[in-house]
Every structure is written in structure tokens, then in C-alpha cells.
Amino acid sequence: MSESHRRKKQPERVRRQLVDVAARIASEQGVGAVTLDAVAQAAGVSKGGLLHHFPGKLPLLDGLFEHLVEEFDRALAEEMRQDPVAQGRFSRAYLRVVADLRDNPVESRQWAGLTMAMLNEPHLRERWRAWVEQRNTDYVGTDSSVSALIVRLAADGLWLADVTDCQTIDPEARKALVERLVAMTLA
């Protein structure tokens, strides 16, 4: 009996591994390099095994999107739970979670891959737009000020700078930037 027949099946672990590999390839080589063959080979699974979990490239990218957005939502909820001030709470949480992504190399790499994929895949951009619109609706009473919008857009700029590694920000300057943006949500 082959080793694969004796090995315990762990579909969630395999799915996660495939998503991680797709994110790594996208962030290191670009979304065009995320092919089913490349992901299967890098993950050490057969193409048929990959297709068992993700029947194509877009479902694989959707799997990456779902995983990262679930983690992002959890981090946002935790930040918001710890913040006693309702006004601007979502925007502060969004800013803090985005600013902290850089400190988690794996998650940062995954977001870099997904961000690059969103630039090329209208379907993923639409999913992100729907996520943003839903949060704007959810927090219309507390985070609909122009200042809150400026903070979220600045957070997106910080995110893009981190993902593309196109701007070096001194740690003290970054801390001051985040503090100033947090203050804007309280005004």
C-alpha cells in the first residue's frame, strides 16, 4: 500500500496549504504565475488533488479571499471590542489592523498576493467592493464622517505601500502617522 493510502486525510490542511502557496506565488511572481500546475507542484500535490479542492484558478483565488477576509474580520472585531469609543471605532480598527499586517510576514505575503490578484481579477475586486460597502452600511452611524473616510483611505494607502514595498517609513514616523490618523477619528 502506498504512503498516500496510509496517510490520514486532512482536507482543511491541504486547502490551507494550497491557498498559502497560491498567495506566495502571487506575491513573489505576480498573479500570472498562479497556475494550477505551479500551485500543485509547489504544494507537493497532484493537479488532480488541487482540482479536488479548487476546480480552477478563480475558485482558488476565491478560497484565498475568503480565508483572508475571515481573518481580517476577526481582527477587526477584536480591535473594535477593545475600543470603548463608538465614534470612529470601525475606522480606528481598520487602520490598526492594516498597519499591523506588516508585522505578520505570512499574512502580509498572503494579502500582497490577494491585492495583486484583485488588480487583475474583476470578480475579486467586486467581492472586496461589496465587503467595503457592507462595512460602510454597518457603521454609517459611527464612521460616516469625512474624517473617518480619510482615515480608511489613508489606511488603504499604507496597505498599498506595505504590499508593494515602495515606500520606507521610519518606525517612529509610522507610529506618529497612525496616532495622527487615530486622532482624526475622535475629532
C-alpha atoms as a PDB file:
ATOM      1  CA  MET A   1       0.000   0.000   0.000  1.00  0.00           C
ATOM      2  CA  SER A   2       1.388   3.424  -0.918  1.00  0.00           C
ATOM      3  CA  GLU A   3       2.148   6.103   1.641  1.00  0.00           C
ATOM      4  CA  SER A   4      -0.712   8.267   0.330  1.00  0.00           C
ATOM      5  CA  HIS A   5      -3.202   5.484   1.152  1.00  0.00           C
ATOM      6  CA  ARG A   6      -1.941   5.172   4.734  1.00  0.00           C
ATOM      7  CA  ARG A   7      -1.771   8.906   5.371  1.00  0.00           C
ATOM      8  CA  LYS A   8      -4.715  10.397   7.259  1.00  0.00           C
ATOM      9  CA  LYS A   9      -6.745  12.683   5.034  1.00  0.00           C
ATOM     10  CA  GLN A  10      -6.650  16.308   6.172  1.00  0.00           C
ATOM     11  CA  PRO A  11      -8.673  18.259   3.609  1.00  0.00           C
ATOM     12  CA  GLU A  12      -8.694  21.554   5.525  1.00  0.00           C
ATOM     13  CA  ARG A  13      -4.929  21.456   5.975  1.00  0.00           C
ATOM     14  CA  VAL A  14      -4.446  20.706   2.269  1.00  0.00           C
ATOM     15  CA  ARG A  15      -6.853  23.522   1.267  1.00  0.00           C
ATOM     16  CA  ARG A  16      -4.973  25.945   3.517  1.00  0.00           C
ATOM     17  CA  GLN A  17      -1.626  24.823   2.098  1.00  0.00           C
ATOM     18  CA  LEU A  18      -2.878  25.356  -1.460  1.00  0.00           C
ATOM     19  CA  VAL A  19      -4.161  28.834  -0.586  1.00  0.00           C
ATOM     20  CA  ASP A  20      -0.856  29.701   1.122  1.00  0.00           C
ATOM     21  CA  VAL A  21       1.145  28.539  -1.890  1.00  0.00           C
ATOM     22  CA  ALA A  22      -1.078  30.480  -4.310  1.00  0.00           C
ATOM     23  CA  ALA A  23      -0.606  33.625  -2.189  1.00  0.00           C
ATOM     24  CA  ARG A  24       3.161  33.156  -2.067  1.00  0.00           C
ATOM     25  CA  ILE A  25       3.408  32.690  -5.830  1.00  0.00           C
ATOM     26  CA  ALA A  26       1.176  35.721  -6.489  1.00  0.00           C
ATOM     27  CA  SER A  27       3.155  37.976  -4.172  1.00  0.00           C
ATOM     28  CA  GLU A  28       6.584  36.805  -5.365  1.00  0.00           C
ATOM     29  CA  GLN A  29       5.976  36.308  -9.102  1.00  0.00           C
ATOM     30  CA  GLY A  30       2.685  38.030  -9.876  1.00  0.00           C
ATOM     31  CA  VAL A  31      -0.811  36.693 -10.379  1.00  0.00           C
ATOM     32  CA  GLY A  32       0.017  35.479 -13.886  1.00  0.00           C
ATOM     33  CA  ALA A  33       2.331  32.900 -12.332  1.00  0.00           C
ATOM     34  CA  VAL A  34      -0.508  31.431 -10.266  1.00  0.00           C
ATOM     35  CA  THR A  35      -1.349  28.493 -12.473  1.00  0.00           C
ATOM     36  CA  LEU A  36      -2.891  25.250 -11.314  1.00  0.00           C
ATOM     37  CA  ASP A  37       0.266  23.389 -12.331  1.00  0.00           C
ATOM     38  CA  ALA A  38       2.552  25.807 -10.474  1.00  0.00           C
ATOM     39  CA  VAL A  39       0.462  25.720  -7.302  1.00  0.00           C
ATOM     40  CA  ALA A  40       0.125  21.927  -7.333  1.00  0.00           C
ATOM     41  CA  GLN A  41       3.853  21.454  -7.887  1.00  0.00           C
ATOM     42  CA  ALA A  42       4.882  23.970  -5.219  1.00  0.00           C
ATOM     43  CA  ALA A  43       2.412  22.472  -2.731  1.00  0.00           C
ATOM     44  CA  GLY A  44       3.555  18.930  -3.455  1.00  0.00           C
ATOM     45  CA  VAL A  45       0.130  17.683  -4.522  1.00  0.00           C
ATOM     46  CA  SER A  46      -1.111  16.343  -7.815  1.00  0.00           C
ATOM     47  CA  LYS A  47      -3.038  18.628 -10.130  1.00  0.00           C
ATOM     48  CA  GLY A  48      -5.997  16.296  -9.603  1.00  0.00           C
ATOM     49  CA  GLY A  49      -5.624  16.758  -5.859  1.00  0.00           C
ATOM     50  CA  LEU A  50      -5.668  20.513  -6.288  1.00  0.00           C
ATOM     51  CA  LEU A  51      -8.707  20.291  -8.568  1.00  0.00           C
ATOM     52  CA  HIS A  52     -10.466  18.206  -5.916  1.00  0.00           C
ATOM     53  CA  HIS A  53     -10.282  21.211  -3.570  1.00  0.00           C
ATOM     54  CA  PHE A  54     -10.424  24.049  -6.116  1.00  0.00           C
ATOM     55  CA  PRO A  55     -11.879  23.307  -9.570  1.00  0.00           C
ATOM     56  CA  GLY A  56      -9.981  26.187 -11.196  1.00  0.00           C
ATOM     57  CA  LYS A  57      -7.785  29.229 -10.651  1.00  0.00           C
ATOM     58  CA  LEU A  58     -10.638  31.587  -9.757  1.00  0.00           C
ATOM     59  CA  PRO A  59     -12.049  29.254  -7.076  1.00  0.00           C
ATOM     60  CA  LEU A  60      -8.504  29.015  -5.665  1.00  0.00           C
ATOM     61  CA  LEU A  61      -8.252  32.812  -5.521  1.00  0.00           C
ATOM     62  CA  ASP A  62     -11.758  32.892  -4.008  1.00  0.00           C
ATOM     63  CA  GLY A  63     -10.533  30.492  -1.339  1.00  0.00           C
ATOM     64  CA  LEU A  64      -7.654  32.837  -0.589  1.00  0.00           C
ATOM     65  CA  PHE A  65     -10.049  35.788  -0.451  1.00  0.00           C
ATOM     66  CA  GLU A  66     -12.446  34.028   1.917  1.00  0.00           C
ATOM     67  CA  HIS A  67      -9.687  32.915   4.262  1.00  0.00           C
ATOM     68  CA  LEU A  68      -8.046  36.322   4.492  1.00  0.00           C
ATOM     69  CA  VAL A  69     -11.293  38.258   4.852  1.00  0.00           C
ATOM     70  CA  GLU A  70     -12.419  35.934   7.658  1.00  0.00           C
ATOM     71  CA  GLU A  71      -9.116  36.580   9.472  1.00  0.00           C
ATOM     72  CA  PHE A  72      -9.377  40.301   8.769  1.00  0.00           C
ATOM     73  CA  ASP A  73     -12.940  40.416  10.109  1.00  0.00           C
ATOM     74  CA  ARG A  74     -11.853  38.577  13.266  1.00  0.00           C
ATOM     75  CA  ALA A  75      -9.024  41.036  13.839  1.00  0.00           C
ATOM     76  CA  LEU A  76     -11.366  43.988  13.225  1.00  0.00           C
ATOM     77  CA  ALA A  77     -13.947  42.595  15.662  1.00  0.00           C
ATOM     78  CA  GLU A  78     -11.269  42.148  18.331  1.00  0.00           C
ATOM     79  CA  GLU A  79      -9.953  45.695  17.863  1.00  0.00           C
ATOM     80  CA  MET A  80     -13.483  47.087  17.983  1.00  0.00           C
ATOM     81  CA  ARG A  81     -14.337  45.051  21.081  1.00  0.00           C
ATOM     82  CA  GLN A  82     -11.419  46.643  22.916  1.00  0.00           C
ATOM     83  CA  ASP A  83     -12.314  50.204  21.856  1.00  0.00           C
ATOM     84  CA  PRO A  84     -14.781  51.900  24.259  1.00  0.00           C
ATOM     85  CA  VAL A  85     -15.463  54.920  21.993  1.00  0.00           C
ATOM     86  CA  ALA A  86     -18.200  54.273  19.428  1.00  0.00           C
ATOM     87  CA  GLN A  87     -17.483  57.281  17.182  1.00  0.00           C
ATOM     88  CA  GLY A  88     -14.945  56.179  14.550  1.00  0.00           C
ATOM     89  CA  ARG A  89     -14.453  52.726  16.129  1.00  0.00           C
ATOM     90  CA  PHE A  90     -14.554  50.828  12.842  1.00  0.00           C
ATOM     91  CA  SER A  91     -12.148  53.245  11.128  1.00  0.00           C
ATOM     92  CA  ARG A  92      -9.660  53.013  14.014  1.00  0.00           C
ATOM     93  CA  ALA A  93      -9.884  49.225  13.962  1.00  0.00           C
ATOM     94  CA  TYR A  94      -9.423  49.163  10.182  1.00  0.00           C
ATOM     95  CA  LEU A  95      -6.383  51.431  10.441  1.00  0.00           C
ATOM     96  CA  ARG A  96      -4.789  49.421  13.245  1.00  0.00           C
ATOM     97  CA  VAL A  97      -5.364  46.049  11.615  1.00  0.00           C
ATOM     98  CA  VAL A  98      -3.999  47.274   8.276  1.00  0.00           C
ATOM     99  CA  ALA A  99      -0.991  48.908   9.960  1.00  0.00           C
ATOM    100  CA  ASP A 100      -0.250  45.674  11.854  1.00  0.00           C
ATOM    101  CA  LEU A 101      -0.422  43.396   8.785  1.00  0.00           C
ATOM    102  CA  ARG A 102       3.194  44.183   8.017  1.00  0.00           C
ATOM    103  CA  ASP A 103       4.234  42.618  11.337  1.00  0.00           C
ATOM    104  CA  ASN A 104       2.861  39.210  10.306  1.00  0.00           C
ATOM    105  CA  PRO A 105       5.036  38.049   7.369  1.00  0.00           C
ATOM    106  CA  VAL A 106       2.814  35.131   6.319  1.00  0.00           C
ATOM    107  CA  GLU A 107      -0.428  37.073   6.395  1.00  0.00           C
ATOM    108  CA  SER A 108       1.265  40.088   4.831  1.00  0.00           C
ATOM    109  CA  ARG A 109       2.502  37.917   1.950  1.00  0.00           C
ATOM    110  CA  GLN A 110      -0.965  36.430   1.518  1.00  0.00           C
ATOM    111  CA  TRP A 111      -2.564  39.884   1.412  1.00  0.00           C
ATOM    112  CA  ALA A 112       0.074  41.026  -1.062  1.00  0.00           C
ATOM    113  CA  GLY A 113      -0.849  38.111  -3.308  1.00  0.00           C
ATOM    114  CA  LEU A 114      -4.561  38.770  -2.985  1.00  0.00           C
ATOM    115  CA  THR A 115      -4.126  42.501  -3.547  1.00  0.00           C
ATOM    116  CA  MET A 116      -2.234  41.814  -6.759  1.00  0.00           C
ATOM    117  CA  ALA A 117      -4.926  39.333  -7.785  1.00  0.00           C
ATOM    118  CA  MET A 118      -7.640  41.939  -7.138  1.00  0.00           C
ATOM    119  CA  LEU A 119      -5.909  44.299  -9.559  1.00  0.00           C
ATOM    120  CA  ASN A 120      -6.243  41.688 -12.311  1.00  0.00           C
ATOM    121  CA  GLU A 121      -9.480  39.895 -11.435  1.00  0.00           C
ATOM    122  CA  PRO A 122     -12.704  41.950 -11.671  1.00  0.00           C
ATOM    123  CA  HIS A 123     -14.546  39.250  -9.709  1.00  0.00           C
ATOM    124  CA  LEU A 124     -12.249  39.702  -6.702  1.00  0.00           C
ATOM    125  CA  ARG A 125     -12.438  43.498  -6.922  1.00  0.00           C
ATOM    126  CA  GLU A 126     -16.215  43.194  -6.850  1.00  0.00           C
ATOM    127  CA  ARG A 127     -16.075  40.971  -3.784  1.00  0.00           C
ATOM    128  CA  TRP A 128     -13.834  43.470  -1.983  1.00  0.00           C
ATOM    129  CA  ARG A 129     -16.052  46.379  -3.060  1.00  0.00           C
ATOM    130  CA  ALA A 130     -19.078  44.523  -1.645  1.00  0.00           C
ATOM    131  CA  TRP A 131     -17.181  43.945   1.619  1.00  0.00           C
ATOM    132  CA  VAL A 132     -16.331  47.663   1.866  1.00  0.00           C
ATOM    133  CA  GLU A 133     -19.876  48.741   1.022  1.00  0.00           C
ATOM    134  CA  GLN A 134     -21.303  46.393   3.640  1.00  0.00           C
ATOM    135  CA  ARG A 135     -19.000  47.826   6.319  1.00  0.00           C
ATOM    136  CA  ASN A 136     -19.891  51.370   5.246  1.00  0.00           C
ATOM    137  CA  THR A 137     -23.550  50.441   5.710  1.00  0.00           C
ATOM    138  CA  ASP A 138     -22.934  48.642   9.003  1.00  0.00           C
ATOM    139  CA  TYR A 139     -21.108  51.621  10.505  1.00  0.00           C
ATOM    140  CA  VAL A 140     -22.941  54.530   8.882  1.00  0.00           C
ATOM    141  CA  GLY A 141     -23.871  55.985  12.271  1.00  0.00           C
ATOM    142  CA  THR A 142     -20.366  55.984  13.720  1.00  0.00           C
ATOM    143  CA  ASP A 143     -17.975  56.061  10.777  1.00  0.00           C
ATOM    144  CA  SER A 144     -19.637  58.126   8.053  1.00  0.00           C
ATOM    145  CA  SER A 145     -17.735  61.371   8.681  1.00  0.00           C
ATOM    146  CA  VAL A 146     -15.299  62.714   6.120  1.00  0.00           C
ATOM    147  CA  SER A 147     -12.513  62.281   8.705  1.00  0.00           C
ATOM    148  CA  ALA A 148     -13.327  58.569   9.096  1.00  0.00           C
ATOM    149  CA  LEU A 149     -13.274  58.165   5.316  1.00  0.00           C
ATOM    150  CA  ILE A 150      -9.910  59.947   5.098  1.00  0.00           C
ATOM    151  CA  VAL A 151      -8.520  57.577   7.755  1.00  0.00           C
ATOM    152  CA  ARG A 152      -9.714  54.467   5.916  1.00  0.00           C
ATOM    153  CA  LEU A 153      -8.341  55.744   2.608  1.00  0.00           C
ATOM    154  CA  ALA A 154      -5.028  56.590   4.288  1.00  0.00           C
ATOM    155  CA  ALA A 155      -5.002  53.053   5.729  1.00  0.00           C
ATOM    156  CA  ASP A 156      -5.507  51.724   2.192  1.00  0.00           C
ATOM    157  CA  GLY A 157      -2.535  53.826   1.048  1.00  0.00           C
ATOM    158  CA  LEU A 158      -0.421  52.468   3.893  1.00  0.00           C
ATOM    159  CA  TRP A 159      -1.529  48.960   2.905  1.00  0.00           C
ATOM    160  CA  LEU A 160      -0.524  49.529  -0.709  1.00  0.00           C
ATOM    161  CA  ALA A 161       2.838  50.972   0.348  1.00  0.00           C
ATOM    162  CA  ASP A 162       3.441  47.892   2.508  1.00  0.00           C
ATOM    163  CA  VAL A 163       2.286  45.428  -0.162  1.00  0.00           C
ATOM    164  CA  THR A 164       4.416  46.954  -2.902  1.00  0.00           C
ATOM    165  CA  ASP A 165       7.303  47.782  -0.561  1.00  0.00           C
ATOM    166  CA  CYS A 166       7.582  51.056  -2.476  1.00  0.00           C
ATOM    167  CA  GLN A 167       7.979  53.383   0.480  1.00  0.00           C
ATOM    168  CA  THR A 168      10.151  53.046   3.519  1.00  0.00           C
ATOM    169  CA  ILE A 169       8.605  54.684   6.556  1.00  0.00           C
ATOM    170  CA  ASP A 170      10.731  55.089   9.645  1.00  0.00           C
ATOM    171  CA  PRO A 171       9.096  53.185  12.556  1.00  0.00           C
ATOM    172  CA  GLU A 172       8.724  56.385  14.614  1.00  0.00           C
ATOM    173  CA  ALA A 173       7.195  58.234  11.662  1.00  0.00           C
ATOM    174  CA  ARG A 174       4.833  55.317  11.050  1.00  0.00           C
ATOM    175  CA  LYS A 175       3.775  55.335  14.689  1.00  0.00           C
ATOM    176  CA  ALA A 176       3.180  59.108  14.538  1.00  0.00           C
ATOM    177  CA  LEU A 177       1.202  58.703  11.308  1.00  0.00           C
ATOM    178  CA  VAL A 178      -1.074  56.072  12.833  1.00  0.00           C
ATOM    179  CA  GLU A 179      -1.537  58.159  16.001  1.00  0.00           C
ATOM    180  CA  ARG A 180      -2.465  61.247  13.978  1.00  0.00           C
ATOM    181  CA  LEU A 181      -4.966  59.243  11.930  1.00  0.00           C
ATOM    182  CA  VAL A 182      -6.470  57.730  15.095  1.00  0.00           C
ATOM    183  CA  ALA A 183      -6.890  61.259  16.465  1.00  0.00           C
ATOM    184  CA  MET A 184      -8.794  62.239  13.325  1.00  0.00           C
ATOM    185  CA  THR A 185     -11.435  59.611  14.093  1.00  0.00           C
ATOM    186  CA  LEU A 186     -12.014  61.148  17.518  1.00  0.00           C
ATOM    187  CA  ALA A 187     -12.491  64.733  16.323  1.00  0.00           C
END
